[in-house]
C-alpha atoms as a PDB file:
ATOM      1  CA  MET A   1      22.640 -19.911 -15.507  1.00  0.00           C
ATOM      2  CA  GLY A   2      21.509 -18.675 -18.892  1.00  0.00           C
ATOM      3  CA  LEU A   3      18.802 -20.284 -20.968  1.00  0.00           C
ATOM      4  CA  ARG A   4      21.287 -21.391 -23.625  1.00  0.00           C
ATOM      5  CA  ALA A   5      23.478 -23.111 -21.024  1.00  0.00           C
ATOM      6  CA  MET A   6      20.461 -24.899 -19.521  1.00  0.00           C
ATOM      7  CA  GLU A   7      19.325 -26.055 -22.947  1.00  0.00           C
ATOM      8  CA  GLY A   8      22.829 -27.364 -23.612  1.00  0.00           C
ATOM      9  CA  LYS A   9      22.843 -29.342 -20.362  1.00  0.00           C
ATOM     10  CA  ARG A  10      19.401 -30.760 -21.127  1.00  0.00           C
ATOM     11  CA  ALA A  11      20.557 -31.880 -24.561  1.00  0.00           C
ATOM     12  CA  ILE A  12      23.590 -33.647 -23.069  1.00  0.00           C
ATOM     13  CA  ILE A  13      21.486 -35.401 -20.430  1.00  0.00           C
ATOM     14  CA  GLU A  14      18.925 -36.489 -23.046  1.00  0.00           C
ATOM     15  CA  GLN A  15      21.684 -37.828 -25.303  1.00  0.00           C
ATOM     16  CA  ASN A  16      23.304 -39.683 -22.411  1.00  0.00           C
ATOM     17  CA  ARG A  17      19.977 -41.068 -21.194  1.00  0.00           C
ATOM     18  CA  ARG A  18      19.301 -42.502 -24.670  1.00  0.00           C
ATOM     19  CA  ALA A  19      22.704 -44.228 -24.515  1.00  0.00           C
ATOM     20  CA  ALA A  20      21.803 -45.668 -21.090  1.00  0.00           C
ATOM     21  CA  GLU A  21      18.439 -46.862 -22.398  1.00  0.00           C
ATOM     22  CA  ARG A  22      20.142 -48.603 -25.340  1.00  0.00           C
ATOM     23  CA  VAL A  23      22.514 -50.381 -22.984  1.00  0.00           C
ATOM     24  CA  PHE A  24      20.322 -51.161 -19.961  1.00  0.00           C
ATOM     25  CA  GLY A  25      16.751 -51.159 -21.278  1.00  0.00           C
ATOM     26  CA  ASP A  26      14.318 -52.409 -18.644  1.00  0.00           C
ATOM     27  CA  SER A  27      16.963 -52.498 -15.901  1.00  0.00           C
ATOM     28  CA  LEU A  28      16.723 -48.713 -15.587  1.00  0.00           C
ATOM     29  CA  ARG A  29      14.624 -47.672 -12.634  1.00  0.00           C
ATOM     30  CA  ASP A  30      12.126 -44.851 -12.916  1.00  0.00           C
ATOM     31  CA  VAL A  31      14.016 -41.584 -12.657  1.00  0.00           C
ATOM     32  CA  HIS A  32      13.078 -38.122 -13.786  1.00  0.00           C
ATOM     33  CA  PRO A  33      14.059 -37.760 -17.476  1.00  0.00           C
ATOM     34  CA  MET A  34      16.269 -34.753 -16.719  1.00  0.00           C
ATOM     35  CA  SER A  35      18.126 -36.323 -13.827  1.00  0.00           C
ATOM     36  CA  PRO A  36      21.894 -36.533 -14.384  1.00  0.00           C
ATOM     37  CA  HIS A  37      21.875 -39.912 -12.605  1.00  0.00           C
ATOM     38  CA  ILE A  38      20.447 -43.301 -13.468  1.00  0.00           C
ATOM     39  CA  TRP A  39      19.672 -46.233 -11.222  1.00  0.00           C
ATOM     40  CA  ILE A  40      20.206 -49.794 -12.419  1.00  0.00           C
ATOM     41  CA  GLN A  41      18.284 -52.570 -10.684  1.00  0.00           C
ATOM     42  CA  LEU A  42      20.530 -55.626 -10.483  1.00  0.00           C
ATOM     43  CA  PRO A  43      19.286 -59.163 -11.012  1.00  0.00           C
ATOM     44  CA  PRO A  44      19.171 -61.554  -8.053  1.00  0.00           C
ATOM     45  CA  GLY A  45      22.576 -62.950  -7.198  1.00  0.00           C
ATOM     46  CA  VAL A  46      24.544 -59.975  -8.550  1.00  0.00           C
ATOM     47  CA  ASP A  47      26.199 -57.985  -5.778  1.00  0.00           C
ATOM     48  CA  ALA A  48      26.237 -54.195  -6.241  1.00  0.00           C
ATOM     49  CA  GLN A  49      29.479 -53.728  -4.319  1.00  0.00           C
ATOM     50  CA  ARG A  50      31.277 -56.372  -6.363  1.00  0.00           C
ATOM     51  CA  VAL A  51      30.151 -54.786  -9.644  1.00  0.00           C
ATOM     52  CA  THR A  52      31.211 -51.373  -8.285  1.00  0.00           C
ATOM     53  CA  ASP A  53      34.656 -52.704  -7.364  1.00  0.00           C
ATOM     54  CA  ARG A  54      35.140 -54.334 -10.785  1.00  0.00           C
ATOM     55  CA  ALA A  55      34.047 -51.132 -12.567  1.00  0.00           C
ATOM     56  CA  ARG A  56      36.458 -49.027 -10.512  1.00  0.00           C
ATOM     57  CA  GLN A  57      39.307 -51.369 -11.477  1.00  0.00           C
ATOM     58  CA  ARG A  58      38.520 -50.325 -15.057  1.00  0.00           C
ATOM     59  CA  GLY A  59      38.448 -46.604 -14.246  1.00  0.00           C
ATOM     60  CA  ILE A  60      34.654 -46.353 -14.163  1.00  0.00           C
ATOM     61  CA  GLU A  61      33.348 -44.623 -11.052  1.00  0.00           C
ATOM     62  CA  ILE A  62      29.917 -45.848  -9.999  1.00  0.00           C
ATOM     63  CA  ALA A  63      28.321 -46.398  -6.615  1.00  0.00           C
ATOM     64  CA  PRO A  64      26.143 -49.048  -5.045  1.00  0.00           C
ATOM     65  CA  ALA A  65      22.682 -47.779  -4.100  1.00  0.00           C
ATOM     66  CA  SER A  66      23.476 -48.555  -0.463  1.00  0.00           C
ATOM     67  CA  SER A  67      25.858 -45.551  -0.469  1.00  0.00           C
ATOM     68  CA  PHE A  68      22.793 -43.332  -0.717  1.00  0.00           C
ATOM     69  CA  ALA A  69      20.639 -45.131   1.862  1.00  0.00           C
ATOM     70  CA  PRO A  70      19.555 -42.759   4.619  1.00  0.00           C
ATOM     71  CA  GLY A  71      20.423 -43.861   8.124  1.00  0.00           C
ATOM     72  CA  GLY A  72      22.019 -47.096   6.973  1.00  0.00           C
ATOM     73  CA  SER A  73      18.749 -48.555   5.692  1.00  0.00           C
ATOM     74  CA  SER A  74      19.309 -50.957   2.853  1.00  0.00           C
ATOM     75  CA  LEU A  75      18.114 -50.164  -0.612  1.00  0.00           C
ATOM     76  CA  ARG A  76      17.374 -52.806  -3.161  1.00  0.00           C
ATOM     77  CA  ASN A  77      20.398 -54.216  -4.905  1.00  0.00           C
ATOM     78  CA  ALA A  78      21.074 -51.452  -7.421  1.00  0.00           C
ATOM     79  CA  LEU A  79      23.736 -49.127  -8.830  1.00  0.00           C
ATOM     80  CA  ARG A  80      23.801 -45.363  -9.280  1.00  0.00           C
ATOM     81  CA  LEU A  81      25.585 -43.981 -12.337  1.00  0.00           C
ATOM     82  CA  SER A  82      26.130 -40.341 -13.174  1.00  0.00           C
ATOM     83  CA  ILE A  83      25.420 -39.633 -16.844  1.00  0.00           C
ATOM     84  CA  GLY A  84      25.236 -35.842 -16.797  1.00  0.00           C
ATOM     85  CA  PRO A  85      28.750 -34.441 -16.857  1.00  0.00           C
ATOM     86  CA  THR A  86      30.181 -35.963 -20.029  1.00  0.00           C
ATOM     87  CA  ARG A  87      29.808 -34.655 -23.550  1.00  0.00           C
ATOM     88  CA  ASP A  88      31.645 -37.658 -25.008  1.00  0.00           C
ATOM     89  CA  ALA A  89      28.726 -39.934 -25.901  1.00  0.00           C
ATOM     90  CA  VAL A  90      30.941 -42.637 -27.414  1.00  0.00           C
ATOM     91  CA  ARG A  91      33.085 -42.902 -24.292  1.00  0.00           C
ATOM     92  CA  LEU A  92      30.021 -42.876 -22.024  1.00  0.00           C
ATOM     93  CA  GLU A  93      28.312 -45.634 -23.977  1.00  0.00           C
ATOM     94  CA  ALA A  94      31.494 -47.739 -23.895  1.00  0.00           C
ATOM     95  CA  ALA A  95      31.662 -47.334 -20.097  1.00  0.00           C
ATOM     96  CA  LEU A  96      27.974 -48.216 -19.770  1.00  0.00           C
ATOM     97  CA  ARG A  97      28.512 -51.333 -21.884  1.00  0.00           C
ATOM     98  CA  THR A  98      31.417 -52.325 -19.631  1.00  0.00           C
ATOM     99  CA  VAL A  99      29.180 -51.969 -16.564  1.00  0.00           C
ATOM    100  CA  ALA A 100      26.467 -53.985 -18.321  1.00  0.00           C
ATOM    101  CA  SER A 101      28.972 -56.761 -19.040  1.00  0.00           C
ATOM    102  CA  LEU A 102      30.043 -56.781 -15.380  1.00  0.00           C
ATOM    103  CA  ILE A 103      26.411 -57.144 -14.371  1.00  0.00           C
ATOM    104  CA  ALA A 104      25.815 -59.930 -16.885  1.00  0.00           C
ATOM    105  CA  GLU A 105      28.999 -61.716 -15.831  1.00  0.00           C
ATOM    106  CA  PRO A 106      29.810 -60.481 -12.307  1.00  0.00           C
ATOM    107  CA  ARG A 107      32.879 -62.732 -12.040  1.00  0.00           C
ATOM    108  CA  HIS A 108      34.351 -61.227 -15.238  1.00  0.00           C
ATOM    109  CA  GLY A 109      37.782 -59.809 -14.571  1.00  0.00           C
ATOM    110  CA  MET A 110      38.201 -61.327 -11.124  1.00  0.00           C
ATOM    111  CA  THR A 111      41.710 -62.355 -10.206  1.00  0.00           C
ATOM    112  CA  VAL A 112      41.979 -66.028  -9.380  1.00  0.00           C
ATOM    113  CA  VAL A 113      44.458 -66.921  -6.658  1.00  0.00           C
ATOM    114  CA  ALA A 114      45.746 -70.488  -6.958  1.00  0.00           C
END
């Protein structure tokens, strides 16, 4: 990969990380600044799988941290989001805000069966 291409990827990741920081603030876990993934620590009582399911219903692909647990060990209740591949900062930030709203209100968008 050429230097120009690497610099372009770095710029995209930096731009996307700033969007994630605006949306999630202190919920972001420590990750290398050039990582194309972020980890969101969920508050107590918010289930990572439920948030993941609700996000997927809205076309947002995320994963619970448990999907990346070696040997089935459980990780803390967290989410993993990929922020590297998109150049559309507006669309990314909108998706991140949707995930943030699902975390803040985990029952948001649930279908009620009467």
